[in-house]
Amino acid sequence: MKQGFVAGCSIEVTMSLGEKTYEFVKPSYYAGVTEERETEKDGEMSEEALKERITHYHHELRALVEKEIDVDIYDIKQVKLFQEILKTKGKKK
């Protein structure tokens, strides 16, 4: 018999610069993991042990997606189009 779980985390951020054309820029990121084990070979994990393992992965995956979304937001802010929009609003970098 097999035992396992799937854990994942996703994050999406909506960025708006006040211009209708550019309001719906939504960088998003997902990370997930699947773990499966043979209970006959490895033994059965208790429900508490499974919950601890899932919680561990949720914390790890959340840190990963937060790091990646920060990179995406930084990259989007550096795109020439957005620099031009900021210039037209008088907010030069």
PDB file of N, CA and C in Angstrom:
ATOM      1  N   MET A   1       0.833  -1.166   0.000  1.00  0.00           N
ATOM      2  CA  MET A   1       0.000   0.000   0.000  1.00  0.00           C
ATOM      3  C   MET A   1       0.889   1.245   0.000  1.00  0.00           C
ATOM      4  N   LYS A   2       0.403   2.317  -0.632  1.00  0.00           N
ATOM      5  CA  LYS A   2       1.165   3.551  -0.700  1.00  0.00           C
ATOM      6  C   LYS A   2       0.539   4.603   0.201  1.00  0.00           C
ATOM      7  N   GLN A   3       1.395   5.474   0.700  1.00  0.00           N
ATOM      8  CA  GLN A   3       0.962   6.573   1.542  1.00  0.00           C
ATOM      9  C   GLN A   3       1.736   7.808   1.104  1.00  0.00           C
ATOM     10  N   GLY A   4       1.107   8.954   1.124  1.00  0.00           N
ATOM     11  CA  GLY A   4       1.819  10.160   0.727  1.00  0.00           C
ATOM     12  C   GLY A   4       0.952  11.391   0.768  1.00  0.00           C
ATOM     13  N   PHE A   5       1.478  12.462   0.196  1.00  0.00           N
ATOM     14  CA  PHE A   5       0.761  13.728   0.182  1.00  0.00           C
ATOM     15  C   PHE A   5       1.307  14.616  -0.921  1.00  0.00           C
ATOM     16  N   VAL A   6       0.538  15.653  -1.212  1.00  0.00           N
ATOM     17  CA  VAL A   6       0.959  16.708  -2.124  1.00  0.00           C
ATOM     18  C   VAL A   6       0.832  18.008  -1.345  1.00  0.00           C
ATOM     19  N   ALA A   7       1.887  18.812  -1.323  1.00  0.00           N
ATOM     20  CA  ALA A   7       1.860  20.106  -0.648  1.00  0.00           C
ATOM     21  C   ALA A   7       2.295  21.163  -1.654  1.00  0.00           C
ATOM     22  N   GLY A   8       1.684  22.333  -1.567  1.00  0.00           N
ATOM     23  CA  GLY A   8       2.054  23.391  -2.494  1.00  0.00           C
ATOM     24  C   GLY A   8       1.717  24.756  -1.962  1.00  0.00           C
ATOM     25  N   CYS A   9       2.261  25.757  -2.605  1.00  0.00           N
ATOM     26  CA  CYS A   9       2.015  27.136  -2.225  1.00  0.00           C
ATOM     27  C   CYS A   9       2.081  27.989  -3.484  1.00  0.00           C
ATOM     28  N   SER A  10       1.167  28.937  -3.594  1.00  0.00           N
ATOM     29  CA  SER A  10       1.216  29.861  -4.720  1.00  0.00           C
ATOM     30  C   SER A  10       0.985  31.275  -4.209  1.00  0.00           C
ATOM     31  N   ILE A  11       1.465  32.233  -4.970  1.00  0.00           N
ATOM     32  CA  ILE A  11       1.286  33.632  -4.604  1.00  0.00           C
ATOM     33  C   ILE A  11       1.108  34.427  -5.885  1.00  0.00           C
ATOM     34  N   GLU A  12       0.231  35.426  -5.832  1.00  0.00           N
ATOM     35  CA  GLU A  12      -0.018  36.307  -6.975  1.00  0.00           C
ATOM     36  C   GLU A  12      -0.115  37.726  -6.453  1.00  0.00           C
ATOM     37  N   VAL A  13       0.508  38.647  -7.157  1.00  0.00           N
ATOM     38  CA  VAL A  13       0.492  40.050  -6.763  1.00  0.00           C
ATOM     39  C   VAL A  13      -0.059  40.862  -7.925  1.00  0.00           C
ATOM     40  N   THR A  14      -0.986  41.778  -7.628  1.00  0.00           N
ATOM     41  CA  THR A  14      -1.512  42.676  -8.650  1.00  0.00           C
ATOM     42  C   THR A  14      -0.798  44.015  -8.522  1.00  0.00           C
ATOM     43  N   MET A  15      -0.184  44.441  -9.605  1.00  0.00           N
ATOM     44  CA  MET A  15       0.537  45.711  -9.604  1.00  0.00           C
ATOM     45  C   MET A  15      -0.237  46.719 -10.435  1.00  0.00           C
ATOM     46  N   SER A  16      -0.349  47.932  -9.914  1.00  0.00           N
ATOM     47  CA  SER A  16      -1.043  48.990 -10.629  1.00  0.00           C
ATOM     48  C   SER A  16      -0.202  50.254 -10.630  1.00  0.00           C
ATOM     49  N   LEU A  17      -0.116  50.878 -11.795  1.00  0.00           N
ATOM     50  CA  LEU A  17       0.589  52.153 -11.912  1.00  0.00           C
ATOM     51  C   LEU A  17      -0.388  53.289 -12.187  1.00  0.00           C
ATOM     52  N   GLY A  18      -1.662  53.025 -12.046  1.00  0.00           N
ATOM     53  CA  GLY A  18      -2.654  54.068 -12.237  1.00  0.00           C
ATOM     54  C   GLY A  18      -3.087  54.274 -13.673  1.00  0.00           C
ATOM     55  N   GLU A  19      -2.459  53.629 -14.591  1.00  0.00           N
ATOM     56  CA  GLU A  19      -2.844  53.726 -15.999  1.00  0.00           C
ATOM     57  C   GLU A  19      -3.725  52.528 -16.332  1.00  0.00           C
ATOM     58  N   LYS A  20      -4.876  52.760 -16.941  1.00  0.00           N
ATOM     59  CA  LYS A  20      -5.799  51.663 -17.236  1.00  0.00           C
ATOM     60  C   LYS A  20      -5.141  50.532 -18.015  1.00  0.00           C
ATOM     61  N   THR A  21      -4.269  50.891 -18.950  1.00  0.00           N
ATOM     62  CA  THR A  21      -3.641  49.883 -19.787  1.00  0.00           C
ATOM     63  C   THR A  21      -2.764  48.936 -18.986  1.00  0.00           C
ATOM     64  N   TYR A  22      -2.199  49.396 -17.879  1.00  0.00           N
ATOM     65  CA  TYR A  22      -1.191  48.626 -17.172  1.00  0.00           C
ATOM     66  C   TYR A  22      -1.628  48.175 -15.778  1.00  0.00           C
ATOM     67  N   GLU A  23      -2.913  48.272 -15.465  1.00  0.00           N
ATOM     68  CA  GLU A  23      -3.382  47.962 -14.125  1.00  0.00           C
ATOM     69  C   GLU A  23      -3.275  46.491 -13.763  1.00  0.00           C
ATOM     70  N   PHE A  24      -3.394  45.626 -14.710  1.00  0.00           N
ATOM     71  CA  PHE A  24      -3.542  44.211 -14.388  1.00  0.00           C
ATOM     72  C   PHE A  24      -2.280  43.393 -14.651  1.00  0.00           C
ATOM     73  N   VAL A  25      -1.160  43.896 -14.204  1.00  0.00           N
ATOM     74  CA  VAL A  25       0.084  43.137 -14.266  1.00  0.00           C
ATOM     75  C   VAL A  25       0.095  42.251 -13.029  1.00  0.00           C
ATOM     76  N   LYS A  26       0.060  40.942 -13.232  1.00  0.00           N
ATOM     77  CA  LYS A  26      -0.052  40.011 -12.107  1.00  0.00           C
ATOM     78  C   LYS A  26       1.042  38.956 -12.151  1.00  0.00           C
ATOM     79  N   PRO A  27       2.196  39.265 -11.587  1.00  0.00           N
ATOM     80  CA  PRO A  27       3.194  38.200 -11.502  1.00  0.00           C
ATOM     81  C   PRO A  27       2.724  37.138 -10.513  1.00  0.00           C
ATOM     82  N   SER A  28       2.952  35.894 -10.830  1.00  0.00           N
ATOM     83  CA  SER A  28       2.548  34.817  -9.920  1.00  0.00           C
ATOM     84  C   SER A  28       3.578  33.700  -9.965  1.00  0.00           C
ATOM     85  N   TYR A  29       3.567  32.899  -8.925  1.00  0.00           N
ATOM     86  CA  TYR A  29       4.550  31.826  -8.823  1.00  0.00           C
ATOM     87  C   TYR A  29       3.948  30.686  -8.013  1.00  0.00           C
ATOM     88  N   TYR A  30       4.277  29.461  -8.385  1.00  0.00           N
ATOM     89  CA  TYR A  30       3.790  28.277  -7.672  1.00  0.00           C
ATOM     90  C   TYR A  30       4.955  27.321  -7.448  1.00  0.00           C
ATOM     91  N   ALA A  31       4.968  26.701  -6.289  1.00  0.00           N
ATOM     92  CA  ALA A  31       5.942  25.642  -6.011  1.00  0.00           C
ATOM     93  C   ALA A  31       5.207  24.525  -5.280  1.00  0.00           C
ATOM     94  N   GLY A  32       5.537  23.296  -5.586  1.00  0.00           N
ATOM     95  CA  GLY A  32       4.864  22.171  -4.939  1.00  0.00           C
ATOM     96  C   GLY A  32       5.754  20.951  -4.868  1.00  0.00           C
ATOM     97  N   VAL A  33       5.340  20.020  -4.047  1.00  0.00           N
ATOM     98  CA  VAL A  33       6.097  18.786  -3.876  1.00  0.00           C
ATOM     99  C   VAL A  33       5.116  17.636  -3.661  1.00  0.00           C
ATOM    100  N   THR A  34       5.467  16.484  -4.170  1.00  0.00           N
ATOM    101  CA  THR A  34       4.699  15.263  -3.953  1.00  0.00           C
ATOM    102  C   THR A  34       5.619  14.251  -3.288  1.00  0.00           C
ATOM    103  N   GLU A  35       5.127  13.643  -2.238  1.00  0.00           N
ATOM    104  CA  GLU A  35       5.917  12.622  -1.548  1.00  0.00           C
ATOM    105  C   GLU A  35       5.071  11.365  -1.423  1.00  0.00           C
ATOM    106  N   GLU A  36       5.652  10.252  -1.787  1.00  0.00           N
ATOM    107  CA  GLU A  36       4.938   8.974  -1.721  1.00  0.00           C
ATOM    108  C   GLU A  36       5.884   7.910  -1.193  1.00  0.00           C
ATOM    109  N   ARG A  37       5.354   7.012  -0.404  1.00  0.00           N
ATOM    110  CA  ARG A  37       6.186   5.941   0.159  1.00  0.00           C
ATOM    111  C   ARG A  37       5.406   4.637   0.228  1.00  0.00           C
ATOM    112  N   GLU A  38       6.123   3.564   0.155  1.00  0.00           N
ATOM    113  CA  GLU A  38       5.533   2.229   0.267  1.00  0.00           C
ATOM    114  C   GLU A  38       5.412   1.887   1.749  1.00  0.00           C
ATOM    115  N   THR A  39       4.206   1.680   2.225  1.00  0.00           N
ATOM    116  CA  THR A  39       4.026   1.393   3.649  1.00  0.00           C
ATOM    117  C   THR A  39       4.539   0.004   4.017  1.00  0.00           C
ATOM    118  N   GLU A  40       4.480  -0.917   3.081  1.00  0.00           N
ATOM    119  CA  GLU A  40       4.960  -2.277   3.368  1.00  0.00           C
ATOM    120  C   GLU A  40       6.473  -2.290   3.590  1.00  0.00           C
ATOM    121  N   LYS A  41       7.187  -1.454   2.842  1.00  0.00           N
ATOM    122  CA  LYS A  41       8.638  -1.405   2.926  1.00  0.00           C
ATOM    123  C   LYS A  41       9.110  -0.438   4.026  1.00  0.00           C
ATOM    124  N   ASP A  42       8.539   0.769   4.047  1.00  0.00           N
ATOM    125  CA  ASP A  42       9.016   1.838   4.930  1.00  0.00           C
ATOM    126  C   ASP A  42       8.206   1.992   6.212  1.00  0.00           C
ATOM    127  N   GLY A  43       7.094   1.300   6.321  1.00  0.00           N
ATOM    128  CA  GLY A  43       6.217   1.471   7.475  1.00  0.00           C
ATOM    129  C   GLY A  43       5.262   2.634   7.271  1.00  0.00           C
ATOM    130  N   GLU A  44       4.178   2.624   7.990  1.00  0.00           N
ATOM    131  CA  GLU A  44       3.161   3.660   7.837  1.00  0.00           C
ATOM    132  C   GLU A  44       3.466   4.830   8.763  1.00  0.00           C
ATOM    133  N   MET A  45       3.356   6.048   8.226  1.00  0.00           N
ATOM    134  CA  MET A  45       3.562   7.249   9.040  1.00  0.00           C
ATOM    135  C   MET A  45       2.263   7.574   9.773  1.00  0.00           C
ATOM    136  N   SER A  46       2.387   8.071  10.976  1.00  0.00           N
ATOM    137  CA  SER A  46       1.203   8.475  11.730  1.00  0.00           C
ATOM    138  C   SER A  46       0.626   9.749  11.112  1.00  0.00           C
ATOM    139  N   GLU A  47      -0.624  10.024  11.418  1.00  0.00           N
ATOM    140  CA  GLU A  47      -1.267  11.234  10.907  1.00  0.00           C
ATOM    141  C   GLU A  47      -0.513  12.472  11.396  1.00  0.00           C
ATOM    142  N   GLU A  48      -0.060  12.447  12.635  1.00  0.00           N
ATOM    143  CA  GLU A  48       0.696  13.567  13.192  1.00  0.00           C
ATOM    144  C   GLU A  48       2.019  13.778  12.440  1.00  0.00           C
ATOM    145  N   ALA A  49       2.705  12.690  12.123  1.00  0.00           N
ATOM    146  CA  ALA A  49       3.968  12.791  11.378  1.00  0.00           C
ATOM    147  C   ALA A  49       3.727  13.343   9.973  1.00  0.00           C
ATOM    148  N   LEU A  50       2.638  12.912   9.330  1.00  0.00           N
ATOM    149  CA  LEU A  50       2.302  13.446   8.007  1.00  0.00           C
ATOM    150  C   LEU A  50       2.022  14.943   8.080  1.00  0.00           C
ATOM    151  N   LYS A  51       1.266  15.364   9.098  1.00  0.00           N
ATOM    152  CA  LYS A  51       0.945  16.787   9.258  1.00  0.00           C
ATOM    153  C   LYS A  51       2.215  17.608   9.486  1.00  0.00           C
ATOM    154  N   GLU A  52       3.137  17.085  10.271  1.00  0.00           N
ATOM    155  CA  GLU A  52       4.408  17.777  10.509  1.00  0.00           C
ATOM    156  C   GLU A  52       5.205  17.914   9.218  1.00  0.00           C
ATOM    157  N   ARG A  53       5.212  16.858   8.433  1.00  0.00           N
ATOM    158  CA  ARG A  53       5.946  16.876   7.158  1.00  0.00           C
ATOM    159  C   ARG A  53       5.324  17.885   6.189  1.00  0.00           C
ATOM    160  N   ILE A  54       4.008  17.898   6.110  1.00  0.00           N
ATOM    161  CA  ILE A  54       3.306  18.853   5.235  1.00  0.00           C
ATOM    162  C   ILE A  54       3.573  20.283   5.693  1.00  0.00           C
ATOM    163  N   THR A  55       3.499  20.524   7.000  1.00  0.00           N
ATOM    164  CA  THR A  55       3.772  21.857   7.540  1.00  0.00           C
ATOM    165  C   THR A  55       5.189  22.303   7.202  1.00  0.00           C
ATOM    166  N   HIS A  56       6.132  21.393   7.338  1.00  0.00           N
ATOM    167  CA  HIS A  56       7.523  21.700   6.984  1.00  0.00           C
ATOM    168  C   HIS A  56       7.614  22.150   5.518  1.00  0.00           C
ATOM    169  N   TYR A  57       6.987  21.387   4.628  1.00  0.00           N
ATOM    170  CA  TYR A  57       7.031  21.740   3.213  1.00  0.00           C
ATOM    171  C   TYR A  57       6.310  23.057   2.934  1.00  0.00           C
ATOM    172  N   HIS A  58       5.199  23.315   3.611  1.00  0.00           N
ATOM    173  CA  HIS A  58       4.492  24.584   3.401  1.00  0.00           C
ATOM    174  C   HIS A  58       5.391  25.772   3.748  1.00  0.00           C
ATOM    175  N   HIS A  59       6.115  25.672   4.847  1.00  0.00           N
ATOM    176  CA  HIS A  59       7.015  26.762   5.231  1.00  0.00           C
ATOM    177  C   HIS A  59       8.136  26.943   4.203  1.00  0.00           C
ATOM    178  N   GLU A  60       8.705  25.841   3.772  1.00  0.00           N
ATOM    179  CA  GLU A  60       9.784  25.902   2.778  1.00  0.00           C
ATOM    180  C   GLU A  60       9.280  26.462   1.446  1.00  0.00           C
ATOM    181  N   LEU A  61       8.122  25.999   1.006  1.00  0.00           N
ATOM    182  CA  LEU A  61       7.579  26.435  -0.279  1.00  0.00           C
ATOM    183  C   LEU A  61       7.146  27.896  -0.229  1.00  0.00           C
ATOM    184  N   ARG A  62       6.577  28.313   0.893  1.00  0.00           N
ATOM    185  CA  ARG A  62       6.183  29.721   1.015  1.00  0.00           C
ATOM    186  C   ARG A  62       7.406  30.634   0.910  1.00  0.00           C
ATOM    187  N   ALA A  63       8.484  30.272   1.590  1.00  0.00           N
ATOM    188  CA  ALA A  63       9.713  31.070   1.500  1.00  0.00           C
ATOM    189  C   ALA A  63      10.209  31.131   0.054  1.00  0.00           C
ATOM    190  N   LEU A  64      10.114  30.019  -0.648  1.00  0.00           N
ATOM    191  CA  LEU A  64      10.555  29.967  -2.041  1.00  0.00           C
ATOM    192  C   LEU A  64       9.711  30.875  -2.936  1.00  0.00           C
ATOM    193  N   VAL A  65       8.388  30.786  -2.831  1.00  0.00           N
ATOM    194  CA  VAL A  65       7.543  31.603  -3.708  1.00  0.00           C
ATOM    195  C   VAL A  65       7.658  33.085  -3.363  1.00  0.00           C
ATOM    196  N   GLU A  66       7.825  33.413  -2.076  1.00  0.00           N
ATOM    197  CA  GLU A  66       8.000  34.826  -1.712  1.00  0.00           C
ATOM    198  C   GLU A  66       9.294  35.372  -2.298  1.00  0.00           C
ATOM    199  N   LYS A  67      10.350  34.581  -2.273  1.00  0.00           N
ATOM    200  CA  LYS A  67      11.618  35.010  -2.858  1.00  0.00           C
ATOM    201  C   LYS A  67      11.475  35.210  -4.365  1.00  0.00           C
ATOM    202  N   GLU A  68      10.827  34.267  -5.035  1.00  0.00           N
ATOM    203  CA  GLU A  68      10.665  34.349  -6.485  1.00  0.00           C
ATOM    204  C   GLU A  68       9.757  35.501  -6.900  1.00  0.00           C
ATOM    205  N   ILE A  69       8.688  35.753  -6.150  1.00  0.00           N
ATOM    206  CA  ILE A  69       7.789  36.849  -6.517  1.00  0.00           C
ATOM    207  C   ILE A  69       8.490  38.185  -6.328  1.00  0.00           C
ATOM    208  N   ASP A  70       9.365  38.288  -5.318  1.00  0.00           N
ATOM    209  CA  ASP A  70      10.150  39.511  -5.139  1.00  0.00           C
ATOM    210  C   ASP A  70      11.041  39.758  -6.343  1.00  0.00           C
ATOM    211  N   VAL A  71      11.633  38.698  -6.881  1.00  0.00           N
ATOM    212  CA  VAL A  71      12.470  38.816  -8.079  1.00  0.00           C
ATOM    213  C   VAL A  71      11.615  39.261  -9.259  1.00  0.00           C
ATOM    214  N   ASP A  72      10.430  38.668  -9.419  1.00  0.00           N
ATOM    215  CA  ASP A  72       9.531  39.039 -10.521  1.00  0.00           C
ATOM    216  C   ASP A  72       9.119  40.505 -10.426  1.00  0.00           C
ATOM    217  N   ILE A  73       8.765  40.951  -9.222  1.00  0.00           N
ATOM    218  CA  ILE A  73       8.341  42.343  -9.039  1.00  0.00           C
ATOM    219  C   ILE A  73       9.496  43.284  -9.380  1.00  0.00           C
ATOM    220  N   TYR A  74      10.686  42.959  -8.923  1.00  0.00           N
ATOM    221  CA  TYR A  74      11.857  43.786  -9.236  1.00  0.00           C
ATOM    222  C   TYR A  74      12.068  43.847 -10.744  1.00  0.00           C
ATOM    223  N   ASP A  75      11.984  42.694 -11.414  1.00  0.00           N
ATOM    224  CA  ASP A  75      12.175  42.653 -12.869  1.00  0.00           C
ATOM    225  C   ASP A  75      11.124  43.493 -13.582  1.00  0.00           C
ATOM    226  N   ILE A  76       9.878  43.406 -13.147  1.00  0.00           N
ATOM    227  CA  ILE A  76       8.803  44.176 -13.787  1.00  0.00           C
ATOM    228  C   ILE A  76       9.039  45.669 -13.600  1.00  0.00           C
ATOM    229  N   LYS A  77       9.468  46.056 -12.418  1.00  0.00           N
ATOM    230  CA  LYS A  77       9.725  47.479 -12.164  1.00  0.00           C
ATOM    231  C   LYS A  77      10.857  48.016 -13.035  1.00  0.00           C
ATOM    232  N   GLN A  78      11.764  47.157 -13.457  1.00  0.00           N
ATOM    233  CA  GLN A  78      12.917  47.595 -14.236  1.00  0.00           C
ATOM    234  C   GLN A  78      12.649  47.601 -15.750  1.00  0.00           C
ATOM    235  N   VAL A  79      11.494  47.109 -16.173  1.00  0.00           N
ATOM    236  CA  VAL A  79      11.175  47.065 -17.603  1.00  0.00           C
ATOM    237  C   VAL A  79      11.083  48.491 -18.149  1.00  0.00           C
ATOM    238  N   LYS A  80      11.638  48.690 -19.322  1.00  0.00           N
ATOM    239  CA  LYS A  80      11.699  50.031 -19.902  1.00  0.00           C
ATOM    240  C   LYS A  80      10.307  50.677 -20.009  1.00  0.00           C
ATOM    241  N   LEU A  81       9.296  49.912 -20.351  1.00  0.00           N
ATOM    242  CA  LEU A  81       7.944  50.449 -20.477  1.00  0.00           C
ATOM    243  C   LEU A  81       7.519  51.145 -19.191  1.00  0.00           C
ATOM    244  N   PHE A  82       7.760  50.497 -18.061  1.00  0.00           N
ATOM    245  CA  PHE A  82       7.351  51.082 -16.792  1.00  0.00           C
ATOM    246  C   PHE A  82       8.229  52.278 -16.431  1.00  0.00           C
ATOM    247  N   GLN A  83       9.498  52.262 -16.829  1.00  0.00           N
ATOM    248  CA  GLN A  83      10.350  53.420 -16.605  1.00  0.00           C
ATOM    249  C   GLN A  83       9.831  54.612 -17.402  1.00  0.00           C
ATOM    250  N   GLU A  84       9.360  54.351 -18.630  1.00  0.00           N
ATOM    251  CA  GLU A  84       8.806  55.425 -19.445  1.00  0.00           C
ATOM    252  C   GLU A  84       7.531  55.994 -18.829  1.00  0.00           C
ATOM    253  N   ILE A  85       6.694  55.124 -18.309  1.00  0.00           N
ATOM    254  CA  ILE A  85       5.464  55.595 -17.663  1.00  0.00           C
ATOM    255  C   ILE A  85       5.805  56.481 -16.468  1.00  0.00           C
ATOM    256  N   LEU A  86       6.772  56.060 -15.671  1.00  0.00           N
ATOM    257  CA  LEU A  86       7.177  56.852 -14.516  1.00  0.00           C
ATOM    258  C   LEU A  86       7.751  58.205 -14.944  1.00  0.00           C
ATOM    259  N   LYS A  87       8.489  58.220 -16.033  1.00  0.00           N
ATOM    260  CA  LYS A  87       9.046  59.485 -16.532  1.00  0.00           C
ATOM    261  C   LYS A  87       7.924  60.427 -16.926  1.00  0.00           C
ATOM    262  N   THR A  88       6.885  59.914 -17.604  1.00  0.00           N
ATOM    263  CA  THR A  88       5.792  60.770 -18.028  1.00  0.00           C
ATOM    264  C   THR A  88       5.014  61.322 -16.849  1.00  0.00           C
ATOM    265  N   LYS A  89       5.095  60.670 -15.718  1.00  0.00           N
ATOM    266  CA  LYS A  89       4.424  61.152 -14.504  1.00  0.00           C
ATOM    267  C   LYS A  89       5.352  62.058 -13.685  1.00  0.00           C
ATOM    268  N   GLY A  90       6.575  62.264 -14.154  1.00  0.00           N
ATOM    269  CA  GLY A  90       7.518  63.113 -13.441  1.00  0.00           C
ATOM    270  C   GLY A  90       8.192  62.428 -12.277  1.00  0.00           C
ATOM    271  N   LYS A  91       8.186  61.110 -12.269  1.00  0.00           N
ATOM    272  CA  LYS A  91       8.823  60.363 -11.180  1.00  0.00           C
ATOM    273  C   LYS A  91      10.029  59.612 -11.724  1.00  0.00           C
ATOM    274  N   LYS A  92      11.092  60.326 -12.008  1.00  0.00           N
ATOM    275  CA  LYS A  92      12.296  59.705 -12.555  1.00  0.00           C
ATOM    276  C   LYS A  92      13.017  58.957 -11.465  1.00  0.00           C
ATOM    277  N   LYS A  93      13.684  57.878 -11.871  1.00  0.00           N
ATOM    278  CA  LYS A  93      14.454  57.063 -10.924  1.00  0.00           C
ATOM    279  C   LYS A  93      15.739  57.740 -10.564  1.00  0.00           C
TER     280      LYS A  93
END
